[in-house]
Amino acid sequence: MSVSSSPDRDTGVLIVEDDPDLADLYARWVGAEHDARVAYDGQEALEKLDAEVDVVLLDRMMPGLSGDTALERIRERGVDCRVAMVTAVEPDFDVIEMGFDAYLTKPVAEADLLETIDRLLTRSAYTTDLQDFAATASKKALLEAEKSSAELEANDEYQDLSAQFREQQEQMRASEQVTSEHAGFVAVLRDIDGESEADDDGDEDDSGEESVTPDPDGD
């Protein structure tokens, strides 16, 4: 299935969802602004994935090839696309090792879905280092929104992620990718939740990050 009411749009979005009604609903939302194509399982997604796909919206729990495995295959192919998990699975520490760029928990409202796509399209213009930093910051913010301070402190994988975040943060600030006003750094953090800001003191908690939280009344 392909839906596009704007044939002049050159951004491709692949929707991977095993619930046909939900997949087609997403396609109607997305097709108003982008070239939308739909796959109803992980294997079909890999068959429809090509260089024209800029963003993948990927369900995790699907029969056959799961979303987690499909994500691994996408990254193994080296396709230059951003991936947002759109799933009923609440995020746990296992997400640290996953190669996604954003994570939305169902139910998802139309505005949240389209806003996430827009942010990921913006992120596609970043350097590889900035993309990696944005992905790390997104995972860190996601877990901090879901887990207690005690759970975070006790988890070695999260501690490693935090150390990676700080290291990347300092690299960004020391590199030419960040202006004297830290504009590039601020842009990455604002990209994560639309509001995050970075200050200049280099503290661990200076990101002001929050996870992207869908409207609870969304379908």
Protein backbone atom coordinates (compact mmCIF):
# COMPACT_ATOMS: atom_id res chain seq x y z
CA MET A 1 0.00 0.00 0.00
CA SER A 2 1.19 3.49 -0.86
CA VAL A 3 -0.57 6.70 0.15
CA SER A 4 0.42 10.19 -0.93
CA SER A 5 -1.74 13.26 -1.37
CA SER A 6 1.34 15.38 -2.04
CA PRO A 7 3.15 13.90 -5.06
CA ASP A 8 5.74 16.67 -4.97
CA ARG A 9 6.97 15.52 -1.55
CA ASP A 10 10.31 13.75 -1.74
CA THR A 11 10.37 12.29 1.77
CA GLY A 12 9.52 8.61 2.11
CA VAL A 13 8.05 7.04 5.24
CA LEU A 14 7.76 3.26 5.62
CA ILE A 15 5.08 2.20 8.10
CA VAL A 16 5.56 -1.30 9.52
CA GLU A 17 2.55 -2.48 11.52
CA ASP A 18 0.83 -5.89 11.61
CA ASP A 19 -2.59 -4.45 12.53
CA PRO A 20 -4.01 -3.54 9.07
CA ASP A 21 -6.48 -0.96 10.39
CA LEU A 22 -3.84 0.81 12.45
CA ALA A 23 -1.29 0.64 9.64
CA ASP A 24 -3.75 2.16 7.20
CA LEU A 25 -4.68 4.87 9.72
CA TYR A 26 -1.02 5.81 10.10
CA ALA A 27 -0.70 5.84 6.32
CA ARG A 28 -3.56 8.31 5.99
CA TRP A 29 -1.97 10.58 8.59
CA VAL A 30 1.49 10.39 7.07
CA GLY A 31 0.33 10.46 3.44
CA ALA A 32 -1.00 13.98 3.80
CA GLU A 33 2.58 15.26 4.10
CA HIS A 34 4.91 12.50 2.91
CA ASP A 35 5.17 9.61 0.51
CA ALA A 36 3.86 6.79 2.72
CA ARG A 37 4.23 3.09 2.09
CA VAL A 38 2.98 0.27 4.32
CA ALA A 39 4.34 -3.15 5.25
CA TYR A 40 2.25 -5.47 7.41
CA ASP A 41 5.14 -7.53 8.77
CA GLY A 42 8.89 -7.39 9.23
CA GLN A 43 9.79 -9.38 6.13
CA GLU A 44 7.62 -7.22 3.89
CA ALA A 45 9.26 -4.18 5.44
CA LEU A 46 12.71 -5.37 4.38
CA GLU A 47 11.40 -6.01 0.87
CA LYS A 48 9.97 -2.48 0.63
CA LEU A 49 12.96 -0.75 2.19
CA ASP A 50 15.07 1.12 -0.34
CA ALA A 51 17.04 4.33 -0.73
CA GLU A 52 13.84 6.37 -1.08
CA VAL A 53 12.81 5.63 2.52
CA ASP A 54 13.87 8.40 4.91
CA VAL A 55 11.97 7.32 8.04
CA VAL A 56 10.72 3.92 9.22
CA LEU A 57 7.90 3.64 11.76
CA LEU A 58 8.42 0.17 13.19
CA ASP A 59 6.23 -1.94 15.46
CA ARG A 60 8.11 -4.28 17.81
CA MET A 61 5.64 -7.11 18.38
CA MET A 62 4.84 -8.74 15.05
CA PRO A 63 4.41 -12.38 14.01
CA GLY A 64 7.25 -13.87 12.03
CA LEU A 65 10.08 -11.37 11.79
CA SER A 66 9.81 -9.15 14.86
CA GLY A 67 10.39 -5.42 14.83
CA ASP A 68 13.56 -5.86 16.89
CA THR A 69 15.00 -8.25 14.31
CA ALA A 70 13.83 -6.08 11.42
CA LEU A 71 15.64 -3.15 13.02
CA GLU A 72 18.85 -5.17 13.21
CA ARG A 73 18.52 -6.10 9.53
CA ILE A 74 17.92 -2.48 8.54
CA ARG A 75 21.08 -1.37 10.32
CA GLU A 76 23.07 -4.28 8.88
CA ARG A 77 22.12 -3.12 5.40
CA GLY A 78 23.51 0.32 6.12
CA VAL A 79 20.41 2.06 4.80
CA ASP A 80 20.59 5.79 5.54
CA CYS A 81 17.22 6.18 7.28
CA ARG A 82 15.97 7.09 10.72
CA VAL A 83 13.87 4.56 12.63
CA ALA A 84 11.16 5.23 15.22
CA MET A 85 9.78 2.31 17.18
CA VAL A 86 5.98 2.70 17.48
CA THR A 87 4.90 -0.01 19.87
CA ALA A 88 2.80 -1.09 22.82
CA VAL A 89 5.95 -2.48 24.49
CA GLU A 90 7.00 -0.28 27.40
CA PRO A 91 10.70 0.56 27.11
CA ASP A 92 13.08 -1.37 29.33
CA PHE A 93 16.86 -1.44 29.64
CA ASP A 94 17.08 -3.67 26.55
CA VAL A 95 16.45 -0.59 24.38
CA ILE A 96 20.01 0.58 25.09
CA GLU A 97 21.41 -1.92 22.60
CA MET A 98 18.77 -1.23 19.93
CA GLY A 99 19.59 0.93 16.94
CA PHE A 100 16.48 3.13 16.83
CA ASP A 101 16.36 6.93 16.74
CA ALA A 102 13.05 7.52 18.56
CA TYR A 103 10.57 5.50 20.62
CA LEU A 104 6.82 6.06 20.80
CA THR A 105 4.52 4.01 23.04
CA LYS A 106 1.03 3.26 21.75
CA PRO A 107 -1.55 4.67 21.61
CA VAL A 108 -0.01 7.42 19.51
CA ALA A 109 -1.78 10.61 18.50
CA GLU A 110 -1.53 11.93 14.96
CA ALA A 111 0.28 15.11 16.02
CA ASP A 112 2.91 13.15 17.96
CA LEU A 113 3.54 10.78 15.06
CA LEU A 114 3.95 13.59 12.53
CA GLU A 115 6.10 15.65 14.91
CA THR A 116 8.42 12.67 15.42
CA ILE A 117 8.76 12.20 11.66
CA ASP A 118 9.61 15.87 11.23
CA ARG A 119 12.28 15.70 13.94
CA LEU A 120 13.84 12.60 12.42
CA LEU A 121 13.91 14.20 8.98
CA THR A 122 15.70 17.18 10.52
CA ARG A 123 18.11 14.81 12.25
CA SER A 124 18.97 13.25 8.88
CA ALA A 125 20.79 16.47 8.00
CA TYR A 126 23.07 16.17 11.05
CA THR A 127 26.60 14.84 10.87
CA THR A 128 27.03 11.20 11.87
CA ASP A 129 28.45 12.25 15.24
CA LEU A 130 25.47 14.47 15.97
CA GLN A 131 23.06 11.71 14.91
CA ASP A 132 24.77 9.27 17.26
CA PHE A 133 24.67 11.78 20.09
CA ALA A 134 20.97 12.47 19.51
CA ALA A 135 20.21 8.74 19.58
CA THR A 136 22.13 8.30 22.84
CA ALA A 137 20.40 11.27 24.42
CA SER A 138 16.99 9.98 23.30
CA LYS A 139 17.56 6.59 24.94
CA LYS A 140 18.84 8.21 28.12
CA ALA A 141 15.81 10.48 28.32
CA LEU A 142 13.46 7.60 27.54
CA LEU A 143 14.78 5.46 30.39
CA GLU A 144 14.86 8.37 32.82
CA ALA A 145 11.16 8.94 32.11
CA GLU A 146 10.31 5.28 32.71
CA LYS A 147 12.59 4.17 35.54
CA SER A 148 13.12 5.28 39.13
CA SER A 149 16.39 6.82 40.24
CA ALA A 150 17.17 3.66 42.20
CA GLU A 151 16.58 1.45 39.16
CA LEU A 152 18.81 3.65 37.01
CA GLU A 153 21.57 3.76 39.58
CA ALA A 154 21.55 -0.03 39.93
CA ASN A 155 21.71 -0.79 36.22
CA ASP A 156 25.18 -1.13 34.71
CA GLU A 157 23.94 -0.72 31.14
CA TYR A 158 22.33 2.61 32.00
CA GLN A 159 25.49 3.77 33.76
CA ASP A 160 27.47 2.92 30.62
CA LEU A 161 24.92 4.84 28.53
CA SER A 162 25.26 7.87 30.80
CA ALA A 163 29.03 7.76 30.50
CA GLN A 164 28.71 7.52 26.72
CA PHE A 165 26.34 10.52 26.76
CA ARG A 166 28.81 12.63 28.76
CA GLU A 167 31.69 11.65 26.51
CA GLN A 168 29.75 12.49 23.35
CA GLN A 169 28.56 15.72 24.95
CA GLU A 170 32.12 16.84 25.58
CA GLN A 171 33.18 15.81 22.08
CA MET A 172 30.37 17.87 20.59
CA ARG A 173 31.35 20.90 22.63
CA ALA A 174 35.01 20.52 21.72
CA SER A 175 34.40 20.02 18.01
CA GLU A 176 33.70 22.49 15.23
CA GLN A 177 30.18 21.07 15.00
CA VAL A 178 29.23 23.25 17.98
CA THR A 179 29.38 27.03 17.77
CA SER A 180 30.52 29.31 20.56
CA GLU A 181 26.88 29.52 21.62
CA HIS A 182 26.54 25.71 21.56
CA ALA A 183 23.91 26.10 18.85
CA GLY A 184 24.51 22.68 17.35
CA PHE A 185 24.35 21.04 20.77
CA VAL A 186 21.15 22.89 21.68
CA ALA A 187 19.61 21.95 18.33
CA VAL A 188 20.21 18.26 18.97
CA LEU A 189 18.64 18.36 22.42
CA ARG A 190 15.68 20.40 21.25
CA ASP A 191 15.24 17.88 18.46
CA ILE A 192 14.73 15.15 21.05
CA ASP A 193 11.61 16.58 22.68
CA GLY A 194 11.00 19.95 21.04
CA GLU A 195 11.82 21.87 24.18
CA SER A 196 15.15 20.67 25.64
CA GLU A 197 17.83 23.25 26.20
CA ALA A 198 21.48 22.92 27.11
CA ASP A 199 23.28 25.24 29.47
CA ASP A 200 27.00 25.93 29.52
CA ASP A 201 28.18 24.22 32.68
CA GLY A 202 28.68 20.71 31.26
CA ASP A 203 26.81 18.94 34.09
CA GLU A 204 25.36 15.52 33.48
CA ASP A 205 21.79 16.72 33.89
CA ASP A 206 22.05 19.79 31.69
CA SER A 207 20.14 18.32 28.79
CA GLY A 208 16.66 18.95 30.15
CA GLU A 209 15.63 15.83 28.23
CA GLU A 210 12.23 14.21 28.28
CA SER A 211 10.93 11.28 26.28
CA VAL A 212 8.40 11.80 23.52
CA THR A 213 5.14 10.87 25.20
CA PRO A 214 2.09 10.17 23.05
CA ASP A 215 -1.32 11.66 23.81
CA PRO A 216 -3.00 9.09 26.12
CA ASP A 217 -6.23 9.55 24.19
CA GLY A 218 -4.60 8.83 20.84
CA ASP A 219 -5.73 5.80 18.81
